[in-house]
């Protein structure tokens, strides 16, 4: 297709032929419509793209109420802390041997 088809020109010609019809305007509108339909029929068809798979979401860690923490034993608390990948604590408050990452 060596010639670009302007849809606005086609629409303008059709509106002119519709609302103030003359033989010239009708001929021009028909000519532009034929060119436009030919251009559309010559378009290449492509295969539809596969839909993207949804991204995995991070599972929320279960929240424990402060009053329930008081009832846990030291072993249970250590097990909870070791199951978490990052411990969020203010600087200088972490127990010995536990690395603290800045938040």
Protein backbone atom coordinates (compact mmCIF):
# COMPACT_ATOMS: atom_id res chain seq x y z
CA UNK A 1 0.00 0.00 0.00
CA UNK A 2 1.88 3.00 -1.26
CA UNK A 3 -0.76 5.54 -0.28
CA UNK A 4 -1.86 6.29 3.25
CA UNK A 5 -5.61 6.42 3.70
CA UNK A 6 -6.78 9.22 5.95
CA UNK A 7 -9.95 8.19 7.79
CA UNK A 8 -10.73 11.80 8.67
CA UNK A 9 -10.84 12.78 4.99
CA UNK A 10 -13.12 9.84 4.28
CA UNK A 11 -15.44 10.76 7.11
CA UNK A 12 -15.52 14.40 6.04
CA UNK A 13 -16.39 13.43 2.46
CA UNK A 14 -19.18 11.10 3.64
CA UNK A 15 -20.66 13.81 5.88
CA UNK A 16 -20.53 16.36 3.05
CA UNK A 17 -22.25 13.92 0.70
CA UNK A 18 -24.85 13.07 3.33
CA UNK A 19 -25.86 16.57 4.45
CA UNK A 20 -25.30 18.65 1.29
CA UNK A 21 -25.26 16.15 -1.54
CA UNK A 22 -23.88 16.92 -4.96
CA UNK A 23 -22.72 14.50 -7.63
CA UNK A 24 -19.08 15.45 -7.00
CA UNK A 25 -19.33 14.94 -3.25
CA UNK A 26 -21.06 11.58 -3.64
CA UNK A 27 -18.40 10.42 -6.12
CA UNK A 28 -15.57 11.56 -3.84
CA UNK A 29 -17.14 9.84 -0.80
CA UNK A 30 -17.62 6.58 -2.71
CA UNK A 31 -14.05 6.72 -4.03
CA UNK A 32 -12.58 7.27 -0.55
CA UNK A 33 -14.78 4.55 0.97
CA UNK A 34 -13.63 2.06 -1.68
CA UNK A 35 -9.98 2.94 -1.01
CA UNK A 36 -10.53 2.55 2.71
CA UNK A 37 -12.26 -0.86 2.40
CA UNK A 38 -9.47 -2.03 0.07
CA UNK A 39 -6.82 -0.90 2.54
CA UNK A 40 -8.57 -2.72 5.39
CA UNK A 41 -8.97 -5.93 3.39
CA UNK A 42 -5.24 -5.87 2.54
CA UNK A 43 -4.17 -5.73 6.18
CA UNK A 44 -2.19 -8.70 7.45
CA UNK A 45 -3.84 -10.85 10.08
CA UNK A 46 -1.82 -11.80 13.14
CA UNK A 47 -2.31 -14.49 15.73
CA UNK A 48 -3.69 -13.30 19.07
CA UNK A 49 -1.11 -13.11 21.83
CA UNK A 50 -1.34 -15.50 24.75
CA UNK A 51 -2.65 -13.96 27.91
CA UNK A 52 -0.04 -13.25 30.55
CA UNK A 53 -0.08 -15.55 33.53
CA UNK A 54 -0.95 -13.84 36.79
CA UNK A 55 2.04 -13.12 38.97
CA UNK A 56 2.34 -15.03 42.22
CA UNK A 57 1.50 -12.95 45.24
CA UNK A 58 3.45 -13.08 48.45
CA UNK A 59 1.59 -14.94 51.18
CA UNK A 60 0.94 -12.91 54.29
CA UNK A 61 2.52 -14.15 57.47
CA UNK A 62 0.03 -14.81 60.22
CA UNK A 63 -0.21 -12.00 62.74
CA UNK A 64 0.03 -12.81 66.43
CA UNK A 65 -1.54 -10.54 69.04
CA UNK A 66 0.75 -9.14 71.73
CA UNK A 67 -1.26 -10.75 74.49
CA UNK A 68 -0.76 -14.15 72.81
CA UNK A 69 3.00 -13.61 72.64
CA UNK A 70 3.20 -13.49 76.43
CA UNK A 71 1.76 -17.02 76.61
CA UNK A 72 4.36 -18.52 74.23
CA UNK A 73 7.48 -20.26 75.45
CA UNK A 74 10.97 -19.21 74.46
CA UNK A 75 11.24 -22.16 72.04
CA UNK A 76 7.98 -21.21 70.36
CA UNK A 77 9.08 -17.59 70.01
CA UNK A 78 12.43 -18.66 68.50
CA UNK A 79 10.62 -20.98 66.08
CA UNK A 80 8.38 -18.11 64.97
CA UNK A 81 11.36 -15.81 64.48
CA UNK A 82 13.34 -18.39 62.51
CA UNK A 83 10.39 -19.02 60.19
CA UNK A 84 10.40 -15.36 59.17
CA UNK A 85 12.97 -14.46 56.55
CA UNK A 86 13.58 -10.89 57.81
CA UNK A 87 13.14 -9.66 61.34
CA UNK A 88 11.85 -6.10 61.52
CA UNK A 89 13.05 -4.38 64.67
CA UNK A 90 14.42 -0.96 65.55
CA UNK A 91 18.18 -0.62 65.64
CA UNK A 92 19.82 -1.85 68.83
CA UNK A 93 16.79 -3.81 70.10
CA UNK A 94 17.52 -7.22 68.58
CA UNK A 95 18.52 -10.16 70.80
CA UNK A 96 22.08 -11.44 70.64
CA UNK A 97 22.95 -13.49 67.54
CA UNK A 98 20.05 -12.16 65.44
CA UNK A 99 20.77 -9.91 62.47
CA UNK A 100 18.55 -6.87 62.10
CA UNK A 101 17.84 -5.40 58.68
CA UNK A 102 16.98 -1.72 58.38
CA UNK A 103 13.36 -1.15 57.35
